Amino acid sequence: MNINQPVFARMETADADDPLTPRIYFSIAATLLGLLVFVIGAKPDWFGWDRSPVVGFVQIAVFLAGLALICLGGYISLLTLWNGRERTILSDIGTRLVGTGYVIAVFAGLADIFGMGSQSFPQVPYFGPWQASGVLIGQGIIALGFLLFIPYTFPQKN
């Protein structure tokens, strides 16, 4: 490695003939589908599908599945931005934070099902303020992971 060689190179934009283009389209489609599934799970009354006054297991599972699709689409799109370059330690930490945040969101969302929530097993699972706070903390960690995973480029010094 040449000591005068810049560490960060300019990113090339994708052409229509570029082999990365289908990956970009797939990641955008997965993210948007995930957003739709997440909104259906989180707010089914927006679509006229709310049949219960409480947030139940199916609703929690649907919005967690939507969050998984959002994480998958975001990971694929940001990985495509690296375009074969060697990733930094911060980006590796970011990918692990995305996975960790999703695990935190799943565990917090399904805490009653796992027997760790505010309602014990014979009672109906309840998605209360503690579970909602845990899911929001998990989503915040996911967002931090995506921010660390972005391939930042810096201006070249002459």
N, C-alpha and C. Protein backbone atom coordinates (compact mmCIF):
# COMPACT_ATOMS: atom_id res chain seq x y z
N MET A 1 0.85 -1.18 0.00
CA MET A 1 0.00 0.00 0.00
C MET A 1 0.89 1.23 0.00
N ASN A 2 0.64 2.14 -0.91
CA ASN A 2 1.37 3.38 -1.01
C ASN A 2 0.94 4.31 0.10
N ILE A 3 1.90 4.90 0.79
CA ILE A 3 1.58 5.76 1.92
C ILE A 3 0.89 7.05 1.49
N ASN A 4 1.10 7.47 0.25
CA ASN A 4 0.46 8.68 -0.27
C ASN A 4 -0.89 8.41 -0.91
N GLN A 5 -1.28 7.15 -0.97
CA GLN A 5 -2.55 6.79 -1.57
C GLN A 5 -3.68 7.17 -0.62
N PRO A 6 -4.76 7.80 -1.11
CA PRO A 6 -5.86 8.18 -0.22
C PRO A 6 -6.55 6.96 0.34
N VAL A 7 -6.98 7.07 1.59
CA VAL A 7 -7.65 5.97 2.25
C VAL A 7 -9.06 5.79 1.71
N PHE A 8 -9.74 6.89 1.43
CA PHE A 8 -11.11 6.84 0.94
C PHE A 8 -11.13 7.30 -0.50
N ALA A 9 -11.75 6.53 -1.36
CA ALA A 9 -11.88 6.90 -2.78
C ALA A 9 -13.30 7.37 -3.04
N ARG A 10 -13.49 8.08 -4.12
CA ARG A 10 -14.82 8.54 -4.49
C ARG A 10 -15.68 7.35 -4.88
N MET A 11 -16.96 7.44 -4.52
CA MET A 11 -17.89 6.39 -4.88
C MET A 11 -18.40 6.62 -6.29
N GLU A 12 -18.51 5.56 -7.04
CA GLU A 12 -19.05 5.63 -8.39
C GLU A 12 -20.57 5.45 -8.30
N THR A 13 -21.30 6.11 -9.18
CA THR A 13 -22.73 5.91 -9.22
C THR A 13 -23.04 4.70 -10.09
N ALA A 14 -24.17 4.07 -9.84
CA ALA A 14 -24.52 2.85 -10.54
C ALA A 14 -25.15 3.15 -11.90
N ASP A 15 -24.72 2.44 -12.94
CA ASP A 15 -25.33 2.50 -14.26
C ASP A 15 -26.46 1.48 -14.33
N ALA A 16 -27.22 1.54 -15.41
CA ALA A 16 -28.27 0.55 -15.61
C ALA A 16 -27.66 -0.82 -15.93
N ASP A 17 -26.45 -0.83 -16.51
CA ASP A 17 -25.79 -2.09 -16.84
C ASP A 17 -24.93 -2.61 -15.69
N ASP A 18 -24.86 -1.88 -14.61
CA ASP A 18 -24.04 -2.26 -13.47
C ASP A 18 -24.63 -3.50 -12.81
N PRO A 19 -23.81 -4.48 -12.45
CA PRO A 19 -24.34 -5.69 -11.80
C PRO A 19 -24.89 -5.41 -10.41
N LEU A 20 -24.58 -4.27 -9.81
CA LEU A 20 -25.10 -3.95 -8.48
C LEU A 20 -26.51 -3.38 -8.52
N THR A 21 -26.97 -2.96 -9.69
CA THR A 21 -28.28 -2.33 -9.80
C THR A 21 -29.42 -3.23 -9.33
N PRO A 22 -29.47 -4.53 -9.70
CA PRO A 22 -30.56 -5.36 -9.18
C PRO A 22 -30.54 -5.46 -7.66
N ARG A 23 -29.36 -5.47 -7.07
CA ARG A 23 -29.26 -5.53 -5.61
C ARG A 23 -29.83 -4.26 -4.99
N ILE A 24 -29.59 -3.12 -5.62
CA ILE A 24 -30.13 -1.86 -5.11
C ILE A 24 -31.64 -1.87 -5.20
N TYR A 25 -32.18 -2.31 -6.35
CA TYR A 25 -33.65 -2.38 -6.49
C TYR A 25 -34.26 -3.35 -5.49
N PHE A 26 -33.62 -4.50 -5.29
CA PHE A 26 -34.14 -5.47 -4.33
C PHE A 26 -34.14 -4.89 -2.91
N SER A 27 -33.06 -4.19 -2.55
CA SER A 27 -32.98 -3.65 -1.20
C SER A 27 -34.02 -2.56 -0.96
N ILE A 28 -34.26 -1.73 -1.97
CA ILE A 28 -35.29 -0.70 -1.83
C ILE A 28 -36.67 -1.35 -1.73
N ALA A 29 -36.92 -2.36 -2.55
CA ALA A 29 -38.22 -3.05 -2.50
C ALA A 29 -38.40 -3.74 -1.15
N ALA A 30 -37.36 -4.39 -0.64
CA ALA A 30 -37.47 -5.07 0.66
C ALA A 30 -37.71 -4.07 1.78
N THR A 31 -37.04 -2.93 1.72
CA THR A 31 -37.24 -1.91 2.76
C THR A 31 -38.65 -1.33 2.71
N LEU A 32 -39.15 -1.04 1.51
CA LEU A 32 -40.50 -0.50 1.41
C LEU A 32 -41.56 -1.53 1.79
N LEU A 33 -41.36 -2.78 1.38
CA LEU A 33 -42.28 -3.83 1.80
C LEU A 33 -42.25 -3.99 3.32
N GLY A 34 -41.05 -3.93 3.90
CA GLY A 34 -40.92 -4.01 5.34
C GLY A 34 -41.63 -2.87 6.04
N LEU A 35 -41.53 -1.67 5.47
CA LEU A 35 -42.23 -0.52 6.04
C LEU A 35 -43.74 -0.73 6.00
N LEU A 36 -44.25 -1.26 4.88
CA LEU A 36 -45.68 -1.52 4.76
C LEU A 36 -46.13 -2.57 5.78
N VAL A 37 -45.38 -3.66 5.91
CA VAL A 37 -45.72 -4.70 6.88
C VAL A 37 -45.63 -4.16 8.30
N PHE A 38 -44.61 -3.34 8.58
CA PHE A 38 -44.45 -2.75 9.91
C PHE A 38 -45.64 -1.86 10.25
N VAL A 39 -46.07 -1.04 9.31
CA VAL A 39 -47.21 -0.14 9.56
C VAL A 39 -48.49 -0.94 9.72
N ILE A 40 -48.65 -2.01 8.94
CA ILE A 40 -49.84 -2.86 9.10
C ILE A 40 -49.86 -3.47 10.50
N GLY A 41 -48.71 -3.90 10.99
CA GLY A 41 -48.66 -4.48 12.33
C GLY A 41 -48.80 -3.46 13.43
N ALA A 42 -48.20 -2.29 13.26
CA ALA A 42 -48.23 -1.28 14.31
C ALA A 42 -49.55 -0.52 14.35
N LYS A 43 -50.11 -0.21 13.21
CA LYS A 43 -51.35 0.57 13.14
C LYS A 43 -52.35 -0.06 12.17
N PRO A 44 -52.92 -1.22 12.49
CA PRO A 44 -53.89 -1.82 11.57
C PRO A 44 -55.17 -1.01 11.42
N ASP A 45 -55.46 -0.13 12.39
CA ASP A 45 -56.66 0.69 12.28
C ASP A 45 -56.57 1.70 11.15
N TRP A 46 -55.35 2.03 10.68
CA TRP A 46 -55.20 2.92 9.52
C TRP A 46 -55.78 2.28 8.26
N PHE A 47 -55.83 0.94 8.24
CA PHE A 47 -56.35 0.21 7.09
C PHE A 47 -57.75 -0.35 7.36
N GLY A 48 -58.30 -0.05 8.54
CA GLY A 48 -59.61 -0.57 8.91
C GLY A 48 -59.57 -2.03 9.32
N TRP A 49 -58.41 -2.54 9.77
CA TRP A 49 -58.26 -3.95 10.10
C TRP A 49 -58.16 -4.19 11.60
N ASP A 50 -58.34 -3.17 12.41
CA ASP A 50 -58.19 -3.33 13.86
C ASP A 50 -59.43 -4.01 14.44
N ARG A 51 -59.23 -5.19 15.03
CA ARG A 51 -60.36 -5.96 15.56
C ARG A 51 -60.29 -6.10 17.07
N SER A 52 -59.28 -5.52 17.68
CA SER A 52 -59.10 -5.71 19.11
C SER A 52 -58.63 -4.40 19.76
N PRO A 53 -59.08 -4.15 20.98
CA PRO A 53 -58.63 -2.92 21.64
C PRO A 53 -57.19 -3.01 22.16
N VAL A 54 -56.64 -4.21 22.25
CA VAL A 54 -55.27 -4.38 22.74
C VAL A 54 -54.38 -4.84 21.59
N VAL A 55 -53.08 -4.70 21.79
CA VAL A 55 -52.10 -5.17 20.81
C VAL A 55 -51.79 -6.61 21.16
N GLY A 56 -52.14 -7.54 20.28
CA GLY A 56 -51.96 -8.96 20.55
C GLY A 56 -50.72 -9.54 19.91
N PHE A 57 -50.58 -10.86 20.05
CA PHE A 57 -49.40 -11.56 19.57
C PHE A 57 -49.23 -11.43 18.06
N VAL A 58 -50.32 -11.58 17.31
CA VAL A 58 -50.22 -11.52 15.85
C VAL A 58 -49.78 -10.13 15.41
N GLN A 59 -50.32 -9.12 16.02
CA GLN A 59 -49.96 -7.76 15.66
C GLN A 59 -48.48 -7.50 15.97
N ILE A 60 -48.01 -7.96 17.12
CA ILE A 60 -46.60 -7.80 17.49
C ILE A 60 -45.71 -8.56 16.50
N ALA A 61 -46.10 -9.79 16.17
CA ALA A 61 -45.30 -10.60 15.24
C ALA A 61 -45.25 -9.95 13.86
N VAL A 62 -46.34 -9.34 13.42
CA VAL A 62 -46.36 -8.70 12.10
C VAL A 62 -45.44 -7.49 12.07
N PHE A 63 -45.50 -6.63 13.10
CA PHE A 63 -44.62 -5.46 13.02
C PHE A 63 -43.16 -5.83 13.26
N LEU A 64 -42.89 -6.92 13.98
CA LEU A 64 -41.50 -7.38 14.11
C LEU A 64 -41.00 -7.99 12.80
N ALA A 65 -41.88 -8.66 12.07
CA ALA A 65 -41.49 -9.18 10.74
C ALA A 65 -41.21 -8.02 9.79
N GLY A 66 -42.02 -6.96 9.87
CA GLY A 66 -41.76 -5.77 9.05
C GLY A 66 -40.44 -5.11 9.42
N LEU A 67 -40.13 -5.08 10.71
CA LEU A 67 -38.85 -4.52 11.14
C LEU A 67 -37.69 -5.36 10.63
N ALA A 68 -37.87 -6.68 10.57
CA ALA A 68 -36.83 -7.56 10.03
C ALA A 68 -36.59 -7.26 8.55
N LEU A 69 -37.66 -7.06 7.78
CA LEU A 69 -37.50 -6.72 6.36
C LEU A 69 -36.83 -5.36 6.17
N ILE A 70 -37.15 -4.40 7.04
CA ILE A 70 -36.50 -3.10 6.97
C ILE A 70 -35.00 -3.25 7.24
N CYS A 71 -34.65 -4.03 8.26
CA CYS A 71 -33.23 -4.25 8.58
C CYS A 71 -32.52 -4.97 7.43
N LEU A 72 -33.15 -5.97 6.85
CA LEU A 72 -32.55 -6.70 5.74
C LEU A 72 -32.33 -5.79 4.53
N GLY A 73 -33.35 -5.02 4.16
CA GLY A 73 -33.22 -4.11 3.03
C GLY A 73 -32.18 -3.03 3.27
N GLY A 74 -32.15 -2.49 4.47
CA GLY A 74 -31.15 -1.48 4.79
C GLY A 74 -29.74 -2.05 4.77
N TYR A 75 -29.58 -3.26 5.28
CA TYR A 75 -28.26 -3.89 5.28
C TYR A 75 -27.77 -4.13 3.85
N ILE A 76 -28.64 -4.66 3.00
CA ILE A 76 -28.24 -4.94 1.61
C ILE A 76 -27.92 -3.65 0.87
N SER A 77 -28.71 -2.61 1.08
CA SER A 77 -28.45 -1.35 0.36
C SER A 77 -27.16 -0.70 0.82
N LEU A 78 -26.90 -0.70 2.12
CA LEU A 78 -25.65 -0.09 2.60
C LEU A 78 -24.44 -0.95 2.25
N LEU A 79 -24.61 -2.26 2.21
CA LEU A 79 -23.52 -3.12 1.77
C LEU A 79 -23.19 -2.87 0.31
N THR A 80 -24.21 -2.59 -0.49
CA THR A 80 -24.00 -2.27 -1.90
C THR A 80 -23.23 -0.96 -2.06
N LEU A 81 -23.46 -0.02 -1.17
CA LEU A 81 -22.73 1.24 -1.25
C LEU A 81 -21.23 1.07 -1.02
N TRP A 82 -20.84 0.04 -0.29
CA TRP A 82 -19.41 -0.21 -0.08
C TRP A 82 -18.75 -0.66 -1.37
N ASN A 83 -19.50 -1.27 -2.29
CA ASN A 83 -19.06 -1.60 -3.64
C ASN A 83 -17.74 -2.38 -3.68
N GLY A 84 -17.61 -3.38 -2.84
CA GLY A 84 -16.44 -4.24 -2.87
C GLY A 84 -15.24 -3.71 -2.12
N ARG A 85 -15.32 -2.48 -1.60
CA ARG A 85 -14.20 -1.95 -0.84
C ARG A 85 -14.13 -2.61 0.53
N GLU A 86 -12.97 -2.57 1.12
CA GLU A 86 -12.81 -3.14 2.45
C GLU A 86 -13.56 -2.27 3.45
N ARG A 87 -14.34 -2.93 4.30
CA ARG A 87 -15.13 -2.19 5.27
C ARG A 87 -14.29 -1.84 6.49
N THR A 88 -14.69 -0.77 7.17
CA THR A 88 -13.97 -0.32 8.35
C THR A 88 -14.48 -1.05 9.59
N ILE A 89 -13.76 -0.87 10.67
CA ILE A 89 -14.18 -1.48 11.94
C ILE A 89 -15.51 -0.88 12.38
N LEU A 90 -15.68 0.43 12.18
CA LEU A 90 -16.95 1.07 12.55
C LEU A 90 -18.12 0.48 11.78
N SER A 91 -17.91 0.15 10.52
CA SER A 91 -19.01 -0.44 9.75
C SER A 91 -19.33 -1.84 10.26
N ASP A 92 -18.30 -2.60 10.66
CA ASP A 92 -18.56 -3.92 11.24
C ASP A 92 -19.31 -3.80 12.56
N ILE A 93 -18.94 -2.82 13.36
CA ILE A 93 -19.68 -2.58 14.61
C ILE A 93 -21.12 -2.20 14.28
N GLY A 94 -21.30 -1.40 13.24
CA GLY A 94 -22.65 -0.99 12.83
C GLY A 94 -23.52 -2.18 12.44
N THR A 95 -22.95 -3.13 11.68
CA THR A 95 -23.75 -4.30 11.29
C THR A 95 -24.13 -5.12 12.52
N ARG A 96 -23.24 -5.22 13.46
CA ARG A 96 -23.56 -5.96 14.68
C ARG A 96 -24.59 -5.23 15.54
N LEU A 97 -24.54 -3.90 15.52
CA LEU A 97 -25.54 -3.14 16.26
C LEU A 97 -26.92 -3.27 15.64
N VAL A 98 -26.99 -3.38 14.33
CA VAL A 98 -28.29 -3.60 13.67
C VAL A 98 -28.88 -4.93 14.15
N GLY A 99 -28.07 -5.97 14.15
CA GLY A 99 -28.55 -7.27 14.61
C GLY A 99 -28.91 -7.26 16.09
N THR A 100 -28.08 -6.62 16.90
CA THR A 100 -28.34 -6.55 18.33
C THR A 100 -29.61 -5.75 18.62
N GLY A 101 -29.80 -4.64 17.92
CA GLY A 101 -31.01 -3.85 18.10
C GLY A 101 -32.26 -4.63 17.73
N TYR A 102 -32.16 -5.44 16.67
CA TYR A 102 -33.32 -6.25 16.29
C TYR A 102 -33.63 -7.30 17.35
N VAL A 103 -32.59 -7.93 17.90
CA VAL A 103 -32.81 -8.92 18.95
C VAL A 103 -33.44 -8.27 20.18
N ILE A 104 -32.99 -7.07 20.53
CA ILE A 104 -33.57 -6.34 21.67
C ILE A 104 -35.04 -6.03 21.39
N ALA A 105 -35.35 -5.59 20.16
CA ALA A 105 -36.73 -5.26 19.82
C ALA A 105 -37.61 -6.51 19.87
N VAL A 106 -37.11 -7.63 19.36
CA VAL A 106 -37.90 -8.87 19.39
C VAL A 106 -38.12 -9.33 20.82
N PHE A 107 -37.07 -9.32 21.61
CA PHE A 107 -37.22 -9.80 22.99
C PHE A 107 -38.15 -8.89 23.78
N ALA A 108 -38.03 -7.57 23.59
CA ALA A 108 -38.92 -6.65 24.30
C ALA A 108 -40.36 -6.79 23.81
N GLY A 109 -40.55 -6.94 22.51
CA GLY A 109 -41.90 -7.05 21.97
C GLY A 109 -42.60 -8.33 22.38
N LEU A 110 -41.85 -9.41 22.47
CA LEU A 110 -42.43 -10.72 22.82
C LEU A 110 -42.14 -11.11 24.26
N ALA A 111 -41.89 -10.14 25.13
CA ALA A 111 -41.52 -10.44 26.51
C ALA A 111 -42.60 -11.25 27.24
N ASP A 112 -43.86 -10.93 27.01
CA ASP A 112 -44.93 -11.69 27.67
C ASP A 112 -44.98 -13.13 27.16
N ILE A 113 -44.72 -13.34 25.90
CA ILE A 113 -44.73 -14.69 25.34
C ILE A 113 -43.57 -15.51 25.92
N PHE A 114 -42.41 -14.84 26.13
CA PHE A 114 -41.25 -15.51 26.70
C PHE A 114 -41.36 -15.70 28.21
N GLY A 115 -42.38 -15.12 28.83
CA GLY A 115 -42.57 -15.25 30.26
C GLY A 115 -41.81 -14.22 31.07
N MET A 116 -41.32 -13.17 30.43
CA MET A 116 -40.55 -12.15 31.13
C MET A 116 -41.27 -10.81 31.20
N GLY A 117 -42.48 -10.74 30.71
CA GLY A 117 -43.20 -9.47 30.65
C GLY A 117 -44.04 -9.22 31.88
N SER A 118 -44.95 -8.27 31.76
CA SER A 118 -45.79 -7.88 32.89
C SER A 118 -46.99 -8.80 33.08
N GLN A 119 -47.32 -9.62 32.08
CA GLN A 119 -48.44 -10.55 32.18
C GLN A 119 -47.89 -11.98 32.18
N SER A 120 -48.29 -12.77 33.14
CA SER A 120 -47.84 -14.16 33.17
C SER A 120 -48.66 -14.98 32.17
N PHE A 121 -48.28 -16.23 31.96
CA PHE A 121 -48.80 -17.04 30.85
C PHE A 121 -50.30 -17.20 30.79
N PRO A 122 -51.01 -17.53 31.84
CA PRO A 122 -52.46 -17.74 31.62
C PRO A 122 -53.18 -16.49 31.12
N GLN A 123 -52.65 -15.32 31.39
CA GLN A 123 -53.31 -14.09 30.94
C GLN A 123 -52.95 -13.81 29.48
N VAL A 124 -53.75 -12.96 28.85
CA VAL A 124 -53.52 -12.57 27.46
C VAL A 124 -52.26 -11.71 27.40
N PRO A 125 -51.37 -11.98 26.43
CA PRO A 125 -50.17 -11.13 26.31
C PRO A 125 -50.55 -9.67 26.11
N TYR A 126 -49.78 -8.80 26.73
CA TYR A 126 -50.09 -7.38 26.73
C TYR A 126 -48.86 -6.60 26.27
N PHE A 127 -49.02 -5.78 25.26
CA PHE A 127 -47.93 -4.94 24.78
C PHE A 127 -48.10 -3.58 25.45
N GLY A 128 -47.45 -3.44 26.58
CA GLY A 128 -47.60 -2.23 27.38
C GLY A 128 -46.47 -1.25 27.17
N PRO A 129 -46.41 -0.26 28.08
CA PRO A 129 -45.40 0.80 27.93
C PRO A 129 -43.97 0.29 28.09
N TRP A 130 -43.77 -0.73 28.92
CA TRP A 130 -42.41 -1.27 29.08
C TRP A 130 -41.95 -1.96 27.80
N GLN A 131 -42.83 -2.75 27.21
CA GLN A 131 -42.48 -3.42 25.96
C GLN A 131 -42.27 -2.41 24.84
N ALA A 132 -43.13 -1.41 24.77
CA ALA A 132 -42.98 -0.38 23.74
C ALA A 132 -41.66 0.36 23.90
N SER A 133 -41.28 0.66 25.14
CA SER A 133 -39.99 1.32 25.37
C SER A 133 -38.83 0.45 24.94
N GLY A 134 -38.92 -0.86 25.21
CA GLY A 134 -37.86 -1.77 24.79
C GLY A 134 -37.74 -1.86 23.27
N VAL A 135 -38.89 -1.88 22.58
CA VAL A 135 -38.86 -1.92 21.12
C VAL A 135 -38.27 -0.62 20.58
N LEU A 136 -38.62 0.51 21.16
CA LEU A 136 -38.06 1.79 20.71
C LEU A 136 -36.56 1.87 20.96
N ILE A 137 -36.09 1.33 22.08
CA ILE A 137 -34.65 1.29 22.34
C ILE A 137 -33.96 0.42 21.29
N GLY A 138 -34.55 -0.73 20.97
CA GLY A 138 -34.00 -1.59 19.93
C GLY A 138 -33.95 -0.89 18.58
N GLN A 139 -35.00 -0.14 18.24
CA GLN A 139 -35.01 0.59 16.98
C GLN A 139 -33.97 1.71 16.98
N GLY A 140 -33.74 2.33 18.11
CA GLY A 140 -32.69 3.35 18.20
C GLY A 140 -31.31 2.75 17.98
N ILE A 141 -31.08 1.56 18.52
CA ILE A 141 -29.80 0.88 18.32
C ILE A 141 -29.64 0.47 16.86
N ILE A 142 -30.73 0.04 16.22
CA ILE A 142 -30.70 -0.28 14.79
C ILE A 142 -30.32 0.96 13.99
N ALA A 143 -30.92 2.10 14.31
CA ALA A 143 -30.62 3.35 13.59
C ALA A 143 -29.16 3.75 13.78
N LEU A 144 -28.64 3.61 15.00
CA LEU A 144 -27.23 3.91 15.25
C LEU A 144 -26.33 2.98 14.44
N GLY A 145 -26.70 1.70 14.36
CA GLY A 145 -25.92 0.75 13.57
C GLY A 145 -25.90 1.12 12.11
N PHE A 146 -27.04 1.54 11.56
CA PHE A 146 -27.07 1.95 10.15
C PHE A 146 -26.23 3.21 9.93
N LEU A 147 -26.23 4.13 10.88
CA LEU A 147 -25.40 5.33 10.73
C LEU A 147 -23.91 4.98 10.73
N LEU A 148 -23.53 4.00 11.52
CA LEU A 148 -22.12 3.59 11.55
C LEU A 148 -21.75 2.80 10.29
N PHE A 149 -22.72 2.20 9.65
CA PHE A 149 -22.48 1.35 8.48
C PHE A 149 -22.36 2.14 7.18
N ILE A 150 -22.73 3.42 7.19
CA ILE A 150 -22.68 4.24 5.98
C ILE A 150 -21.22 4.45 5.58
N PRO A 151 -20.89 4.25 4.30
CA PRO A 151 -19.50 4.47 3.86
C PRO A 151 -19.23 5.96 3.61
N TYR A 152 -18.73 6.62 4.62
CA TYR A 152 -18.43 8.04 4.50
C TYR A 152 -17.17 8.24 3.67
N THR A 153 -17.19 9.24 2.81
CA THR A 153 -15.99 9.59 2.04
C THR A 153 -15.58 11.00 2.45
N PHE A 154 -14.30 11.22 2.49
CA PHE A 154 -13.78 12.51 2.89
C PHE A 154 -13.08 13.15 1.71
N PRO A 155 -13.04 14.50 1.68
CA PRO A 155 -12.37 15.17 0.55
C PRO A 155 -10.89 14.86 0.54
N GLN A 156 -10.34 14.80 -0.68
CA GLN A 156 -8.92 14.51 -0.86
C GLN A 156 -8.10 15.74 -0.52
N LYS A 157 -6.97 15.55 0.16
CA LYS A 157 -6.03 16.64 0.42
C LYS A 157 -5.03 16.70 -0.73
N ASN A 158 -4.79 17.87 -1.20
CA ASN A 158 -3.83 18.03 -2.32
C ASN A 158 -2.42 18.12 -1.84
